[in-house]
Amino acid sequence: MVAKKSGKTLNLAAVLDLNEASALREKLISLRGSGLSIDASGVERVGALCAQVLMAAEKTWEQDKQPFTFSKVSDAFHKTMQLVGVNIDHLLAKEIRQ
């Protein structure tokens, strides 16, 4: 986790499976209250529960009126999110939007 001017950065684990869901939730709770940038560049696999945790976090940050973006995403992360029906394009940093 690296502090930035606009908030903090959370680097996601390579495997976001059922075992990682609780740890991810705890990390996100500890970062609540400031802007958050998610680095998913190293993600190789994403389970549906972790996708749900991330989208719940996005809604929480939206309610808190704090920025929540994905600064970097791997192809595997982006494709898996699309497969489970989650469109994150509006959350991608401007530099990586296609």
N, C-alpha and C. Protein backbone atom coordinates (compact mmCIF):
# COMPACT_ATOMS: atom_id res chain seq x y z
N MET A 1 0.84 -1.17 0.00
CA MET A 1 0.00 0.00 0.00
C MET A 1 0.89 1.23 0.00
N VAL A 2 0.66 2.14 -0.94
CA VAL A 2 1.47 3.33 -1.09
C VAL A 2 0.57 4.55 -1.00
N ALA A 3 0.95 5.53 -0.18
CA ALA A 3 0.14 6.74 -0.06
C ALA A 3 0.34 7.61 -1.28
N LYS A 4 -0.73 8.25 -1.71
CA LYS A 4 -0.70 9.18 -2.83
C LYS A 4 -1.39 10.46 -2.40
N LYS A 5 -1.24 11.50 -3.19
CA LYS A 5 -1.90 12.76 -2.88
C LYS A 5 -3.41 12.59 -2.78
N SER A 6 -4.00 11.89 -3.72
CA SER A 6 -5.45 11.77 -3.78
C SER A 6 -5.99 10.63 -2.92
N GLY A 7 -5.15 9.93 -2.23
CA GLY A 7 -5.61 8.82 -1.40
C GLY A 7 -4.55 7.76 -1.28
N LYS A 8 -4.99 6.52 -1.26
CA LYS A 8 -4.08 5.40 -1.08
C LYS A 8 -4.22 4.41 -2.22
N THR A 9 -3.21 3.56 -2.36
CA THR A 9 -3.23 2.52 -3.38
C THR A 9 -3.23 1.16 -2.71
N LEU A 10 -4.09 0.27 -3.19
CA LEU A 10 -4.14 -1.10 -2.70
C LEU A 10 -3.74 -2.02 -3.84
N ASN A 11 -2.67 -2.79 -3.62
CA ASN A 11 -2.22 -3.78 -4.59
C ASN A 11 -2.93 -5.10 -4.29
N LEU A 12 -3.67 -5.59 -5.28
CA LEU A 12 -4.41 -6.83 -5.08
C LEU A 12 -3.50 -8.05 -5.24
N ALA A 13 -3.86 -9.11 -4.55
CA ALA A 13 -3.13 -10.38 -4.62
C ALA A 13 -3.30 -10.99 -6.02
N ALA A 14 -2.41 -11.89 -6.38
CA ALA A 14 -2.47 -12.54 -7.69
C ALA A 14 -3.70 -13.43 -7.82
N VAL A 15 -4.10 -14.06 -6.72
CA VAL A 15 -5.26 -14.95 -6.74
C VAL A 15 -6.30 -14.40 -5.77
N LEU A 16 -7.43 -13.98 -6.32
CA LEU A 16 -8.53 -13.45 -5.52
C LEU A 16 -9.62 -14.50 -5.44
N ASP A 17 -9.42 -15.47 -4.56
CA ASP A 17 -10.36 -16.56 -4.42
C ASP A 17 -11.11 -16.46 -3.10
N LEU A 18 -11.84 -17.49 -2.76
CA LEU A 18 -12.62 -17.51 -1.53
C LEU A 18 -11.74 -17.25 -0.30
N ASN A 19 -10.55 -17.80 -0.28
CA ASN A 19 -9.64 -17.61 0.85
C ASN A 19 -9.19 -16.17 0.99
N GLU A 20 -9.12 -15.44 -0.08
CA GLU A 20 -8.65 -14.05 -0.07
C GLU A 20 -9.77 -13.05 0.23
N ALA A 21 -11.02 -13.45 0.09
CA ALA A 21 -12.15 -12.53 0.22
C ALA A 21 -12.20 -11.82 1.56
N SER A 22 -12.02 -12.54 2.65
CA SER A 22 -12.06 -11.92 3.99
C SER A 22 -10.90 -10.96 4.19
N ALA A 23 -9.73 -11.35 3.75
CA ALA A 23 -8.55 -10.47 3.87
C ALA A 23 -8.74 -9.20 3.04
N LEU A 24 -9.29 -9.35 1.84
CA LEU A 24 -9.55 -8.19 0.99
C LEU A 24 -10.55 -7.25 1.66
N ARG A 25 -11.59 -7.82 2.21
CA ARG A 25 -12.60 -7.00 2.91
C ARG A 25 -11.96 -6.22 4.05
N GLU A 26 -11.13 -6.88 4.84
CA GLU A 26 -10.47 -6.21 5.97
C GLU A 26 -9.54 -5.09 5.50
N LYS A 27 -8.79 -5.34 4.42
CA LYS A 27 -7.90 -4.31 3.87
C LYS A 27 -8.71 -3.10 3.44
N LEU A 28 -9.82 -3.35 2.76
CA LEU A 28 -10.65 -2.25 2.28
C LEU A 28 -11.25 -1.46 3.44
N ILE A 29 -11.72 -2.15 4.46
CA ILE A 29 -12.28 -1.46 5.63
C ILE A 29 -11.22 -0.56 6.27
N SER A 30 -9.99 -1.03 6.34
CA SER A 30 -8.93 -0.22 6.96
C SER A 30 -8.57 1.02 6.14
N LEU A 31 -8.91 1.02 4.86
CA LEU A 31 -8.58 2.15 3.98
C LEU A 31 -9.75 3.12 3.78
N ARG A 32 -10.87 2.83 4.39
CA ARG A 32 -12.06 3.67 4.21
C ARG A 32 -11.81 5.07 4.77
N GLY A 33 -12.37 6.06 4.10
CA GLY A 33 -12.27 7.43 4.58
C GLY A 33 -11.44 8.34 3.69
N SER A 34 -10.73 7.76 2.73
CA SER A 34 -9.96 8.57 1.79
C SER A 34 -10.06 7.92 0.42
N GLY A 35 -9.64 8.65 -0.59
CA GLY A 35 -9.67 8.12 -1.94
C GLY A 35 -8.84 6.85 -2.05
N LEU A 36 -9.25 5.97 -2.97
CA LEU A 36 -8.55 4.69 -3.10
C LEU A 36 -8.33 4.36 -4.57
N SER A 37 -7.12 3.95 -4.86
CA SER A 37 -6.74 3.49 -6.19
C SER A 37 -6.35 2.02 -6.07
N ILE A 38 -6.98 1.18 -6.88
CA ILE A 38 -6.73 -0.26 -6.84
C ILE A 38 -5.76 -0.63 -7.96
N ASP A 39 -4.69 -1.32 -7.60
CA ASP A 39 -3.75 -1.84 -8.59
C ASP A 39 -4.01 -3.33 -8.74
N ALA A 40 -4.63 -3.69 -9.86
CA ALA A 40 -4.96 -5.09 -10.14
C ALA A 40 -4.08 -5.64 -11.25
N SER A 41 -2.91 -5.04 -11.44
CA SER A 41 -2.03 -5.44 -12.55
C SER A 41 -1.44 -6.82 -12.37
N GLY A 42 -1.34 -7.32 -11.14
CA GLY A 42 -0.76 -8.63 -10.90
C GLY A 42 -1.79 -9.74 -10.72
N VAL A 43 -3.06 -9.42 -10.90
CA VAL A 43 -4.12 -10.40 -10.67
C VAL A 43 -4.15 -11.42 -11.81
N GLU A 44 -4.13 -12.69 -11.43
CA GLU A 44 -4.19 -13.79 -12.39
C GLU A 44 -5.55 -14.47 -12.40
N ARG A 45 -6.22 -14.51 -11.22
CA ARG A 45 -7.53 -15.16 -11.11
C ARG A 45 -8.41 -14.36 -10.16
N VAL A 46 -9.69 -14.27 -10.51
CA VAL A 46 -10.66 -13.55 -9.68
C VAL A 46 -11.88 -14.44 -9.46
N GLY A 47 -12.22 -14.64 -8.21
CA GLY A 47 -13.44 -15.36 -7.88
C GLY A 47 -14.60 -14.39 -7.74
N ALA A 48 -15.81 -14.92 -7.85
CA ALA A 48 -17.00 -14.08 -7.80
C ALA A 48 -17.15 -13.35 -6.46
N LEU A 49 -16.75 -13.99 -5.37
CA LEU A 49 -16.89 -13.35 -4.06
C LEU A 49 -15.99 -12.13 -3.94
N CYS A 50 -14.76 -12.21 -4.43
CA CYS A 50 -13.86 -11.06 -4.40
C CYS A 50 -14.35 -9.95 -5.33
N ALA A 51 -14.92 -10.33 -6.46
CA ALA A 51 -15.52 -9.33 -7.35
C ALA A 51 -16.64 -8.60 -6.61
N GLN A 52 -17.44 -9.35 -5.87
CA GLN A 52 -18.53 -8.76 -5.10
C GLN A 52 -18.00 -7.83 -4.01
N VAL A 53 -16.95 -8.24 -3.33
CA VAL A 53 -16.34 -7.41 -2.28
C VAL A 53 -15.85 -6.09 -2.88
N LEU A 54 -15.20 -6.16 -4.05
CA LEU A 54 -14.70 -4.95 -4.69
C LEU A 54 -15.84 -4.03 -5.12
N MET A 55 -16.91 -4.57 -5.63
CA MET A 55 -18.03 -3.74 -6.07
C MET A 55 -18.80 -3.15 -4.89
N ALA A 56 -18.86 -3.89 -3.78
CA ALA A 56 -19.46 -3.34 -2.57
C ALA A 56 -18.61 -2.18 -2.04
N ALA A 57 -17.28 -2.35 -2.14
CA ALA A 57 -16.39 -1.27 -1.72
C ALA A 57 -16.58 -0.04 -2.60
N GLU A 58 -16.75 -0.26 -3.89
CA GLU A 58 -16.96 0.88 -4.80
C GLU A 58 -18.21 1.65 -4.39
N LYS A 59 -19.27 0.96 -4.05
CA LYS A 59 -20.51 1.61 -3.61
C LYS A 59 -20.30 2.36 -2.30
N THR A 60 -19.52 1.78 -1.40
CA THR A 60 -19.23 2.42 -0.11
C THR A 60 -18.47 3.71 -0.33
N TRP A 61 -17.44 3.67 -1.19
CA TRP A 61 -16.66 4.88 -1.48
C TRP A 61 -17.54 5.93 -2.16
N GLU A 62 -18.45 5.48 -3.01
CA GLU A 62 -19.36 6.42 -3.67
C GLU A 62 -20.25 7.10 -2.63
N GLN A 63 -20.78 6.35 -1.69
CA GLN A 63 -21.62 6.92 -0.63
C GLN A 63 -20.83 7.87 0.25
N ASP A 64 -19.55 7.56 0.45
CA ASP A 64 -18.67 8.42 1.26
C ASP A 64 -18.16 9.62 0.46
N LYS A 65 -18.53 9.69 -0.82
CA LYS A 65 -18.09 10.75 -1.72
C LYS A 65 -16.56 10.84 -1.82
N GLN A 66 -15.96 9.65 -1.92
CA GLN A 66 -14.51 9.53 -2.07
C GLN A 66 -14.21 8.85 -3.40
N PRO A 67 -13.09 9.22 -4.05
CA PRO A 67 -12.74 8.56 -5.31
C PRO A 67 -12.34 7.10 -5.12
N PHE A 68 -12.74 6.27 -6.06
CA PHE A 68 -12.42 4.84 -6.07
C PHE A 68 -12.16 4.48 -7.52
N THR A 69 -10.90 4.16 -7.83
CA THR A 69 -10.55 3.85 -9.22
C THR A 69 -9.63 2.63 -9.28
N PHE A 70 -9.54 2.06 -10.47
CA PHE A 70 -8.57 1.02 -10.75
C PHE A 70 -7.47 1.68 -11.56
N SER A 71 -6.27 1.79 -10.98
CA SER A 71 -5.16 2.47 -11.65
C SER A 71 -4.52 1.57 -12.70
N LYS A 72 -4.48 0.28 -12.42
CA LYS A 72 -3.90 -0.70 -13.35
C LYS A 72 -4.70 -1.99 -13.21
N VAL A 73 -4.95 -2.64 -14.34
CA VAL A 73 -5.64 -3.93 -14.30
C VAL A 73 -4.98 -4.89 -15.29
N SER A 74 -4.89 -6.14 -14.90
CA SER A 74 -4.38 -7.17 -15.80
C SER A 74 -5.49 -7.56 -16.76
N ASP A 75 -5.11 -8.17 -17.87
CA ASP A 75 -6.12 -8.67 -18.81
C ASP A 75 -7.02 -9.70 -18.13
N ALA A 76 -6.41 -10.57 -17.32
CA ALA A 76 -7.18 -11.61 -16.63
C ALA A 76 -8.23 -10.99 -15.71
N PHE A 77 -7.85 -9.95 -14.99
CA PHE A 77 -8.79 -9.28 -14.08
C PHE A 77 -9.93 -8.66 -14.87
N HIS A 78 -9.60 -7.90 -15.90
CA HIS A 78 -10.62 -7.20 -16.69
C HIS A 78 -11.57 -8.19 -17.36
N LYS A 79 -11.03 -9.24 -17.96
CA LYS A 79 -11.87 -10.23 -18.64
C LYS A 79 -12.76 -11.00 -17.67
N THR A 80 -12.22 -11.35 -16.52
CA THR A 80 -13.02 -12.08 -15.54
C THR A 80 -14.15 -11.21 -15.00
N MET A 81 -13.87 -9.95 -14.75
CA MET A 81 -14.92 -9.06 -14.28
C MET A 81 -16.03 -8.96 -15.32
N GLN A 82 -15.66 -8.89 -16.58
CA GLN A 82 -16.67 -8.86 -17.64
C GLN A 82 -17.46 -10.16 -17.67
N LEU A 83 -16.79 -11.30 -17.50
CA LEU A 83 -17.46 -12.59 -17.52
C LEU A 83 -18.48 -12.75 -16.40
N VAL A 84 -18.20 -12.17 -15.24
CA VAL A 84 -19.15 -12.28 -14.14
C VAL A 84 -20.19 -11.16 -14.19
N GLY A 85 -20.13 -10.34 -15.24
CA GLY A 85 -21.15 -9.32 -15.45
C GLY A 85 -20.89 -7.99 -14.79
N VAL A 86 -19.63 -7.71 -14.46
CA VAL A 86 -19.29 -6.45 -13.81
C VAL A 86 -18.50 -5.58 -14.79
N ASN A 87 -19.05 -4.42 -15.09
CA ASN A 87 -18.38 -3.48 -15.97
C ASN A 87 -17.62 -2.47 -15.11
N ILE A 88 -16.30 -2.49 -15.19
CA ILE A 88 -15.49 -1.56 -14.40
C ILE A 88 -14.93 -0.43 -15.24
N ASP A 89 -15.35 -0.34 -16.50
CA ASP A 89 -14.77 0.67 -17.39
C ASP A 89 -14.89 2.08 -16.83
N HIS A 90 -15.99 2.40 -16.17
CA HIS A 90 -16.16 3.74 -15.60
C HIS A 90 -15.26 3.98 -14.39
N LEU A 91 -14.67 2.91 -13.85
CA LEU A 91 -13.79 3.03 -12.68
C LEU A 91 -12.32 3.03 -13.05
N LEU A 92 -12.00 2.81 -14.33
CA LEU A 92 -10.60 2.78 -14.76
C LEU A 92 -10.02 4.17 -14.80
N ALA A 93 -8.77 4.29 -14.39
CA ALA A 93 -8.08 5.57 -14.47
C ALA A 93 -8.08 6.03 -15.91
N LYS A 94 -8.15 7.32 -16.13
CA LYS A 94 -8.23 7.88 -17.49
C LYS A 94 -7.10 7.39 -18.37
N GLU A 95 -5.93 7.17 -17.81
CA GLU A 95 -4.76 6.75 -18.59
C GLU A 95 -4.93 5.37 -19.22
N ILE A 96 -5.76 4.50 -18.63
CA ILE A 96 -5.86 3.13 -19.15
C ILE A 96 -7.19 2.82 -19.80
N ARG A 97 -8.09 3.80 -19.84
CA ARG A 97 -9.38 3.56 -20.51
C ARG A 97 -9.17 3.34 -21.99
N GLN A 98 -9.95 2.42 -22.55
CA GLN A 98 -9.81 2.12 -23.97
C GLN A 98 -10.94 2.71 -24.76
